[in-house]
C-alpha atoms as a PDB file:
ATOM      1  CA  MET A   1       0.000   0.000   0.000  1.00  0.00           C
ATOM      2  CA  ARG A   2       1.297   3.438  -0.907  1.00  0.00           C
ATOM      3  CA  TYR A   3       1.485   5.928   1.957  1.00  0.00           C
ATOM      4  CA  LYS A   4       0.788   9.628   1.680  1.00  0.00           C
ATOM      5  CA  ALA A   5       3.371  12.234   2.633  1.00  0.00           C
ATOM      6  CA  ARG A   6       2.439  15.188   4.801  1.00  0.00           C
ATOM      7  CA  TYR A   7       4.854  18.026   5.507  1.00  0.00           C
ATOM      8  CA  LEU A   8       4.190  19.490   8.942  1.00  0.00           C
ATOM      9  CA  SER A   9       4.483  23.229   9.475  1.00  0.00           C
ATOM     10  CA  THR A  10       7.906  22.756  11.073  1.00  0.00           C
ATOM     11  CA  ALA A  11       9.204  21.075   7.907  1.00  0.00           C
ATOM     12  CA  LYS A  12       7.649  23.773   5.731  1.00  0.00           C
ATOM     13  CA  ASP A  13       9.362  26.435   7.837  1.00  0.00           C
ATOM     14  CA  ASP A  14      12.667  24.555   7.529  1.00  0.00           C
ATOM     15  CA  ARG A  15      12.174  24.286   3.757  1.00  0.00           C
ATOM     16  CA  ASP A  16      11.523  28.009   3.416  1.00  0.00           C
ATOM     17  CA  THR A  17      14.562  28.894   5.514  1.00  0.00           C
ATOM     18  CA  ILE A  18      16.796  26.583   3.475  1.00  0.00           C
ATOM     19  CA  ARG A  19      15.402  27.876   0.188  1.00  0.00           C
ATOM     20  CA  ASN A  20      15.975  31.511   1.198  1.00  0.00           C
ATOM     21  CA  TYR A  21      19.523  30.734   2.288  1.00  0.00           C
ATOM     22  CA  LEU A  22      20.478  28.752  -0.823  1.00  0.00           C
ATOM     23  CA  ASN A  23      18.892  31.253  -3.210  1.00  0.00           C
ATOM     24  CA  GLN A  24      21.389  33.860  -1.985  1.00  0.00           C
ATOM     25  CA  TYR A  25      24.137  31.829  -3.656  1.00  0.00           C
ATOM     26  CA  SER A  26      22.479  29.939  -6.482  1.00  0.00           C
ATOM     27  CA  LEU A  27      18.975  30.116  -7.867  1.00  0.00           C
ATOM     28  CA  THR A  28      19.082  26.457  -8.854  1.00  0.00           C
ATOM     29  CA  ALA A  29      20.673  24.982  -5.712  1.00  0.00           C
ATOM     30  CA  ALA A  30      17.456  24.935  -3.689  1.00  0.00           C
ATOM     31  CA  THR A  31      15.498  23.490  -6.604  1.00  0.00           C
ATOM     32  CA  ARG A  32      18.025  20.671  -7.044  1.00  0.00           C
ATOM     33  CA  LEU A  33      18.061  19.903  -3.320  1.00  0.00           C
ATOM     34  CA  PHE A  34      14.282  19.763  -2.993  1.00  0.00           C
ATOM     35  CA  GLU A  35      13.971  17.615  -6.109  1.00  0.00           C
ATOM     36  CA  LYS A  36      16.333  15.113  -4.464  1.00  0.00           C
ATOM     37  CA  ILE A  37      14.376  15.235  -1.227  1.00  0.00           C
ATOM     38  CA  LYS A  38      11.096  14.791  -3.086  1.00  0.00           C
ATOM     39  CA  ALA A  39      12.465  11.749  -4.973  1.00  0.00           C
ATOM     40  CA  LYS A  40      13.550  10.116  -1.715  1.00  0.00           C
ATOM     41  CA  VAL A  41      10.208  10.854  -0.054  1.00  0.00           C
ATOM     42  CA  GLU A  42       8.488   9.261  -3.057  1.00  0.00           C
ATOM     43  CA  LEU A  43      10.509   6.086  -2.440  1.00  0.00           C
ATOM     44  CA  ALA A  44       9.530   6.142   1.232  1.00  0.00           C
ATOM     45  CA  LYS A  45       5.854   6.349   0.282  1.00  0.00           C
ATOM     46  CA  ASP A  46       6.172   2.831  -1.139  1.00  0.00           C
ATOM     47  CA  ASN A  47       8.357   1.533   1.675  1.00  0.00           C
ATOM     48  CA  PRO A  48       8.226   3.862   4.709  1.00  0.00           C
ATOM     49  CA  TYR A  49      10.682   1.793   6.732  1.00  0.00           C
ATOM     50  CA  MET A  50      13.444   1.781   4.117  1.00  0.00           C
ATOM     51  CA  TYR A  51      15.363   4.621   5.767  1.00  0.00           C
ATOM     52  CA  ALA A  52      17.173   4.122   9.050  1.00  0.00           C
ATOM     53  CA  ALA A  53      15.655   4.978  12.394  1.00  0.00           C
ATOM     54  CA  TYR A  54      17.400   7.828  14.183  1.00  0.00           C
ATOM     55  CA  ASP A  55      19.440   6.297  17.010  1.00  0.00           C
ATOM     56  CA  ARG A  56      18.658   8.905  19.637  1.00  0.00           C
ATOM     57  CA  ARG A  57      14.945   9.091  18.865  1.00  0.00           C
ATOM     58  CA  PRO A  58      13.890   5.826  17.203  1.00  0.00           C
ATOM     59  CA  GLN A  59      10.352   7.037  16.501  1.00  0.00           C
ATOM     60  CA  PHE A  60      11.955   9.209  13.787  1.00  0.00           C
ATOM     61  CA  ARG A  61      13.396   7.889  10.548  1.00  0.00           C
ATOM     62  CA  ARG A  62      16.058   9.804   8.652  1.00  0.00           C
ATOM     63  CA  ILE A  63      16.537  10.499   4.963  1.00  0.00           C
ATOM     64  CA  VAL A  64      19.922  11.809   3.831  1.00  0.00           C
ATOM     65  CA  ALA A  65      19.871  14.162   0.833  1.00  0.00           C
ATOM     66  CA  GLU A  66      23.215  15.785   0.133  1.00  0.00           C
ATOM     67  CA  GLU A  67      24.232  17.381   3.445  1.00  0.00           C
ATOM     68  CA  TYR A  68      20.629  17.660   4.637  1.00  0.00           C
ATOM     69  CA  LEU A  69      18.625  15.331   6.874  1.00  0.00           C
ATOM     70  CA  VAL A  70      14.884  14.839   6.612  1.00  0.00           C
ATOM     71  CA  PHE A  71      13.241  13.513   9.765  1.00  0.00           C
ATOM     72  CA  TYR A  72       9.894  11.801   9.485  1.00  0.00           C
ATOM     73  CA  MET A  73       7.592   9.514  11.429  1.00  0.00           C
ATOM     74  CA  VAL A  74       5.383   6.790  10.023  1.00  0.00           C
ATOM     75  CA  ASN A  75       1.740   7.066  11.031  1.00  0.00           C
ATOM     76  CA  GLU A  76       0.341   3.574  10.488  1.00  0.00           C
ATOM     77  CA  ASN A  77      -3.211   4.553  11.431  1.00  0.00           C
ATOM     78  CA  GLU A  78      -3.415   7.122   8.658  1.00  0.00           C
ATOM     79  CA  LYS A  79      -0.891   5.412   6.326  1.00  0.00           C
ATOM     80  CA  THR A  80       1.044   8.661   6.232  1.00  0.00           C
ATOM     81  CA  ILE A  81       4.678   9.717   6.333  1.00  0.00           C
ATOM     82  CA  GLU A  82       4.745  12.821   8.533  1.00  0.00           C
ATOM     83  CA  ILE A  83       7.762  14.940   7.679  1.00  0.00           C
ATOM     84  CA  HIS A  84       8.759  16.904  10.767  1.00  0.00           C
ATOM     85  CA  HIS A  85      12.061  18.609   9.956  1.00  0.00           C
ATOM     86  CA  ILE A  86      14.656  19.244   7.284  1.00  0.00           C
ATOM     87  CA  PHE A  87      18.047  20.132   8.756  1.00  0.00           C
ATOM     88  CA  ARG A  88      21.515  20.730   7.504  1.00  0.00           C
ATOM     89  CA  GLY A  89      23.583  17.856   8.880  1.00  0.00           C
ATOM     90  CA  ILE A  90      26.074  20.036  10.745  1.00  0.00           C
ATOM     91  CA  ILE A  91      23.588  21.519  13.242  1.00  0.00           C
ATOM     92  CA  ASP A  92      22.987  20.149  16.725  1.00  0.00           C
ATOM     93  CA  ILE A  93      19.898  18.100  15.954  1.00  0.00           C
ATOM     94  CA  GLU A  94      19.185  17.323  19.597  1.00  0.00           C
ATOM     95  CA  GLN A  95      18.204  20.949  20.189  1.00  0.00           C
ATOM     96  CA  HIS A  96      15.497  20.731  17.537  1.00  0.00           C
ATOM     97  CA  ILE A  97      13.746  17.366  17.737  1.00  0.00           C
END
């Protein structure tokens, strides 16, 4: 069964922040990054457990796209992938999730 993907407001805020930052340097960088993220989310919609669980918070799974990490949870009741955050890998993730 194919799951649906839902970007929570926190992920949308992260996306907007990343897009604004990257667009300062390259108008195509943000587009390329989010196309890669979208492709990986599409794969997860067919197999939501394909990406590794995050060691420190196993309820979250983690997609790696370039130097960015996408954190999501699988909602089995609604058959949904809930995307919570998109972070650059160098930040202190523990302060945010």
